[in-house]
Amino acid sequence: MRDEPGPATGQAPSDVQAPAVVKFALLAVLGVPLCWVMAFGVRALPGASNVL
């Protein structure tokens, strides 16, 4: 089996020694707002409202 890179948010805490629930909470706190910011940026592109 090859070691393929996964999503950046999923690979980021791989070296952190913490319980899984702590890693999940950290990723949720960082990942969800990041998704909203990225969506806002995409929707701000000219013509995006026609596609979305």
PDB file of N, CA and C in Angstrom:
ATOM      1  N   MET A   1       0.846  -1.188   0.000  1.00  0.00           N
ATOM      2  CA  MET A   1       0.000   0.000   0.000  1.00  0.00           C
ATOM      3  C   MET A   1       0.884   1.241   0.000  1.00  0.00           C
ATOM      4  N   ARG A   2       0.584   2.176  -0.906  1.00  0.00           N
ATOM      5  CA  ARG A   2       1.377   3.397  -1.005  1.00  0.00           C
ATOM      6  C   ARG A   2       0.944   4.392   0.058  1.00  0.00           C
ATOM      7  N   ASP A   3       1.901   5.203   0.481  1.00  0.00           N
ATOM      8  CA  ASP A   3       1.610   6.266   1.439  1.00  0.00           C
ATOM      9  C   ASP A   3       1.256   7.519   0.651  1.00  0.00           C
ATOM     10  N   GLU A   4      -0.041   7.702   0.391  1.00  0.00           N
ATOM     11  CA  GLU A   4      -0.489   8.843  -0.391  1.00  0.00           C
ATOM     12  C   GLU A   4      -0.910   9.976   0.532  1.00  0.00           C
ATOM     13  N   PRO A   5      -0.644  11.213   0.128  1.00  0.00           N
ATOM     14  CA  PRO A   5      -1.056  12.345   0.954  1.00  0.00           C
ATOM     15  C   PRO A   5      -2.569  12.485   0.965  1.00  0.00           C
ATOM     16  N   GLY A   6      -3.107  12.832   2.099  1.00  0.00           N
ATOM     17  CA  GLY A   6      -4.537  13.045   2.238  1.00  0.00           C
ATOM     18  C   GLY A   6      -4.840  14.523   2.331  1.00  0.00           C
ATOM     19  N   PRO A   7      -6.027  14.856   2.779  1.00  0.00           N
ATOM     20  CA  PRO A   7      -6.379  16.266   2.944  1.00  0.00           C
ATOM     21  C   PRO A   7      -5.441  16.942   3.940  1.00  0.00           C
ATOM     22  N   ALA A   8      -5.136  18.191   3.689  1.00  0.00           N
ATOM     23  CA  ALA A   8      -4.190  18.912   4.536  1.00  0.00           C
ATOM     24  C   ALA A   8      -4.665  18.992   5.981  1.00  0.00           C
ATOM     25  N   THR A   9      -5.956  19.214   6.187  1.00  0.00           N
ATOM     26  CA  THR A   9      -6.444  19.324   7.561  1.00  0.00           C
ATOM     27  C   THR A   9      -6.388  17.993   8.282  1.00  0.00           C
ATOM     28  N   GLY A  10      -6.484  16.902   7.552  1.00  0.00           N
ATOM     29  CA  GLY A  10      -6.418  15.587   8.176  1.00  0.00           C
ATOM     30  C   GLY A  10      -4.994  15.150   8.461  1.00  0.00           C
ATOM     31  N   GLN A  11      -4.036  15.629   7.683  1.00  0.00           N
ATOM     32  CA  GLN A  11      -2.641  15.248   7.871  1.00  0.00           C
ATOM     33  C   GLN A  11      -1.920  16.154   8.861  1.00  0.00           C
ATOM     34  N   ALA A  12      -2.417  17.342   9.085  1.00  0.00           N
ATOM     35  CA  ALA A  12      -1.731  18.310   9.931  1.00  0.00           C
ATOM     36  C   ALA A  12      -1.467  17.803  11.346  1.00  0.00           C
ATOM     37  N   PRO A  13      -2.448  17.219  12.041  1.00  0.00           N
ATOM     38  CA  PRO A  13      -2.179  16.813  13.425  1.00  0.00           C
ATOM     39  C   PRO A  13      -1.639  15.393  13.564  1.00  0.00           C
ATOM     40  N   SER A  14      -1.093  14.814  12.505  1.00  0.00           N
ATOM     41  CA  SER A  14      -0.670  13.416  12.574  1.00  0.00           C
ATOM     42  C   SER A  14       0.507  13.210  13.531  1.00  0.00           C
ATOM     43  N   ASP A  15       1.317  14.226  13.739  1.00  0.00           N
ATOM     44  CA  ASP A  15       2.457  14.101  14.649  1.00  0.00           C
ATOM     45  C   ASP A  15       2.147  14.581  16.061  1.00  0.00           C
ATOM     46  N   VAL A  16       0.974  15.141  16.278  1.00  0.00           N
ATOM     47  CA  VAL A  16       0.595  15.650  17.592  1.00  0.00           C
ATOM     48  C   VAL A  16       0.164  14.488  18.482  1.00  0.00           C
ATOM     49  N   GLN A  17       0.724  14.444  19.675  1.00  0.00           N
ATOM     50  CA  GLN A  17       0.364  13.417  20.637  1.00  0.00           C
ATOM     51  C   GLN A  17      -0.788  13.930  21.494  1.00  0.00           C
ATOM     52  N   ALA A  18      -1.998  13.593  21.116  1.00  0.00           N
ATOM     53  CA  ALA A  18      -3.192  14.022  21.846  1.00  0.00           C
ATOM     54  C   ALA A  18      -4.293  13.007  21.575  1.00  0.00           C
ATOM     55  N   PRO A  19      -5.276  12.938  22.469  1.00  0.00           N
ATOM     56  CA  PRO A  19      -6.414  12.042  22.216  1.00  0.00           C
ATOM     57  C   PRO A  19      -7.154  12.441  20.940  1.00  0.00           C
ATOM     58  N   ALA A  20      -7.805  11.454  20.339  1.00  0.00           N
ATOM     59  CA  ALA A  20      -8.505  11.701  19.074  1.00  0.00           C
ATOM     60  C   ALA A  20      -9.579  12.765  19.210  1.00  0.00           C
ATOM     61  N   VAL A  21     -10.267  12.801  20.337  1.00  0.00           N
ATOM     62  CA  VAL A  21     -11.337  13.796  20.500  1.00  0.00           C
ATOM     63  C   VAL A  21     -10.767  15.218  20.533  1.00  0.00           C
ATOM     64  N   VAL A  22      -9.570  15.376  21.065  1.00  0.00           N
ATOM     65  CA  VAL A  22      -8.934  16.703  21.085  1.00  0.00           C
ATOM     66  C   VAL A  22      -8.552  17.110  19.661  1.00  0.00           C
ATOM     67  N   LYS A  23      -8.001  16.174  18.904  1.00  0.00           N
ATOM     68  CA  LYS A  23      -7.658  16.470  17.511  1.00  0.00           C
ATOM     69  C   LYS A  23      -8.909  16.806  16.707  1.00  0.00           C
ATOM     70  N   PHE A  24      -9.996  16.063  16.942  1.00  0.00           N
ATOM     71  CA  PHE A  24     -11.243  16.339  16.243  1.00  0.00           C
ATOM     72  C   PHE A  24     -11.751  17.737  16.567  1.00  0.00           C
ATOM     73  N   ALA A  25     -11.733  18.104  17.840  1.00  0.00           N
ATOM     74  CA  ALA A  25     -12.208  19.436  18.236  1.00  0.00           C
ATOM     75  C   ALA A  25     -11.350  20.524  17.609  1.00  0.00           C
ATOM     76  N   LEU A  26     -10.045  20.312  17.593  1.00  0.00           N
ATOM     77  CA  LEU A  26      -9.151  21.305  17.000  1.00  0.00           C
ATOM     78  C   LEU A  26      -9.419  21.463  15.506  1.00  0.00           C
ATOM     79  N   LEU A  27      -9.583  20.341  14.814  1.00  0.00           N
ATOM     80  CA  LEU A  27      -9.855  20.414  13.380  1.00  0.00           C
ATOM     81  C   LEU A  27     -11.221  21.017  13.095  1.00  0.00           C
ATOM     82  N   ALA A  28     -12.198  20.742  13.943  1.00  0.00           N
ATOM     83  CA  ALA A  28     -13.524  21.323  13.743  1.00  0.00           C
ATOM     84  C   ALA A  28     -13.479  22.838  13.927  1.00  0.00           C
ATOM     85  N   VAL A  29     -12.760  23.284  14.949  1.00  0.00           N
ATOM     86  CA  VAL A  29     -12.664  24.727  15.220  1.00  0.00           C
ATOM     87  C   VAL A  29     -11.925  25.445  14.102  1.00  0.00           C
ATOM     88  N   LEU A  30     -10.941  24.796  13.515  1.00  0.00           N
ATOM     89  CA  LEU A  30     -10.175  25.422  12.432  1.00  0.00           C
ATOM     90  C   LEU A  30     -10.771  25.159  11.051  1.00  0.00           C
ATOM     91  N   GLY A  31     -11.264  23.956  10.835  1.00  0.00           N
ATOM     92  CA  GLY A  31     -11.707  23.552   9.508  1.00  0.00           C
ATOM     93  C   GLY A  31     -13.017  24.164   9.068  1.00  0.00           C
ATOM     94  N   VAL A  32     -13.978  24.233   9.959  1.00  0.00           N
ATOM     95  CA  VAL A  32     -15.292  24.762   9.575  1.00  0.00           C
ATOM     96  C   VAL A  32     -15.217  26.245   9.199  1.00  0.00           C
ATOM     97  N   PRO A  33     -14.608  27.100  10.017  1.00  0.00           N
ATOM     98  CA  PRO A  33     -14.487  28.504   9.574  1.00  0.00           C
ATOM     99  C   PRO A  33     -13.650  28.657   8.305  1.00  0.00           C
ATOM    100  N   LEU A  34     -12.637  27.806   8.137  1.00  0.00           N
ATOM    101  CA  LEU A  34     -11.835  27.868   6.921  1.00  0.00           C
ATOM    102  C   LEU A  34     -12.683  27.565   5.691  1.00  0.00           C
ATOM    103  N   CYS A  35     -13.578  26.607   5.807  1.00  0.00           N
ATOM    104  CA  CYS A  35     -14.487  26.295   4.691  1.00  0.00           C
ATOM    105  C   CYS A  35     -15.400  27.471   4.382  1.00  0.00           C
ATOM    106  N   TRP A  36     -15.898  28.131   5.412  1.00  0.00           N
ATOM    107  CA  TRP A  36     -16.777  29.277   5.199  1.00  0.00           C
ATOM    108  C   TRP A  36     -16.020  30.422   4.533  1.00  0.00           C
ATOM    109  N   VAL A  37     -14.791  30.662   4.943  1.00  0.00           N
ATOM    110  CA  VAL A  37     -13.986  31.732   4.347  1.00  0.00           C
ATOM    111  C   VAL A  37     -13.691  31.426   2.883  1.00  0.00           C
ATOM    112  N   MET A  38     -13.351  30.171   2.607  1.00  0.00           N
ATOM    113  CA  MET A  38     -13.076  29.794   1.217  1.00  0.00           C
ATOM    114  C   MET A  38     -14.330  29.908   0.361  1.00  0.00           C
ATOM    115  N   ALA A  39     -15.476  29.525   0.892  1.00  0.00           N
ATOM    116  CA  ALA A  39     -16.730  29.642   0.147  1.00  0.00           C
ATOM    117  C   ALA A  39     -17.054  31.106  -0.127  1.00  0.00           C
ATOM    118  N   PHE A  40     -16.813  31.967   0.853  1.00  0.00           N
ATOM    119  CA  PHE A  40     -17.049  33.402   0.658  1.00  0.00           C
ATOM    120  C   PHE A  40     -16.157  33.922  -0.468  1.00  0.00           C
ATOM    121  N   GLY A  41     -14.901  33.480  -0.483  1.00  0.00           N
ATOM    122  CA  GLY A  41     -13.983  33.913  -1.530  1.00  0.00           C
ATOM    123  C   GLY A  41     -14.409  33.442  -2.908  1.00  0.00           C
ATOM    124  N   VAL A  42     -14.887  32.220  -3.003  1.00  0.00           N
ATOM    125  CA  VAL A  42     -15.334  31.688  -4.292  1.00  0.00           C
ATOM    126  C   VAL A  42     -16.582  32.418  -4.759  1.00  0.00           C
ATOM    127  N   ARG A  43     -17.494  32.683  -3.841  1.00  0.00           N
ATOM    128  CA  ARG A  43     -18.730  33.376  -4.220  1.00  0.00           C
ATOM    129  C   ARG A  43     -18.483  34.825  -4.608  1.00  0.00           C
ATOM    130  N   ALA A  44     -17.354  35.391  -4.176  1.00  0.00           N
ATOM    131  CA  ALA A  44     -17.032  36.783  -4.509  1.00  0.00           C
ATOM    132  C   ALA A  44     -16.461  36.906  -5.922  1.00  0.00           C
ATOM    133  N   LEU A  45     -16.113  35.785  -6.549  1.00  0.00           N
ATOM    134  CA  LEU A  45     -15.589  35.840  -7.912  1.00  0.00           C
ATOM    135  C   LEU A  45     -16.674  36.314  -8.875  1.00  0.00           C
ATOM    136  N   PRO A  46     -16.282  37.125  -9.858  1.00  0.00           N
ATOM    137  CA  PRO A  46     -17.264  37.572 -10.837  1.00  0.00           C
ATOM    138  C   PRO A  46     -17.855  36.388 -11.596  1.00  0.00           C
ATOM    139  N   GLY A  47     -19.170  36.351 -11.705  1.00  0.00           N
ATOM    140  CA  GLY A  47     -19.849  35.294 -12.433  1.00  0.00           C
ATOM    141  C   GLY A  47     -20.136  34.063 -11.612  1.00  0.00           C
ATOM    142  N   ALA A  48     -19.682  33.996 -10.376  1.00  0.00           N
ATOM    143  CA  ALA A  48     -19.915  32.806  -9.557  1.00  0.00           C
ATOM    144  C   ALA A  48     -21.383  32.622  -9.230  1.00  0.00           C
ATOM    145  N   SER A  49     -22.129  33.710  -9.110  1.00  0.00           N
ATOM    146  CA  SER A  49     -23.546  33.572  -8.783  1.00  0.00           C
ATOM    147  C   SER A  49     -24.312  32.935  -9.949  1.00  0.00           C
ATOM    148  N   ASN A  50     -23.816  33.093 -11.167  1.00  0.00           N
ATOM    149  CA  ASN A  50     -24.473  32.462 -12.312  1.00  0.00           C
ATOM    150  C   ASN A  50     -24.275  30.958 -12.302  1.00  0.00           C
ATOM    151  N   VAL A  51     -23.128  30.504 -11.809  1.00  0.00           N
ATOM    152  CA  VAL A  51     -22.797  29.077 -11.794  1.00  0.00           C
ATOM    153  C   VAL A  51     -23.397  28.409 -10.551  1.00  0.00           C
ATOM    154  N   LEU A  52     -23.284  29.084  -9.429  1.00  0.00           N
ATOM    155  CA  LEU A  52     -23.779  28.509  -8.189  1.00  0.00           C
ATOM    156  C   LEU A  52     -25.253  28.794  -8.070  1.00  0.00           C
TER     157      LEU A  52
END
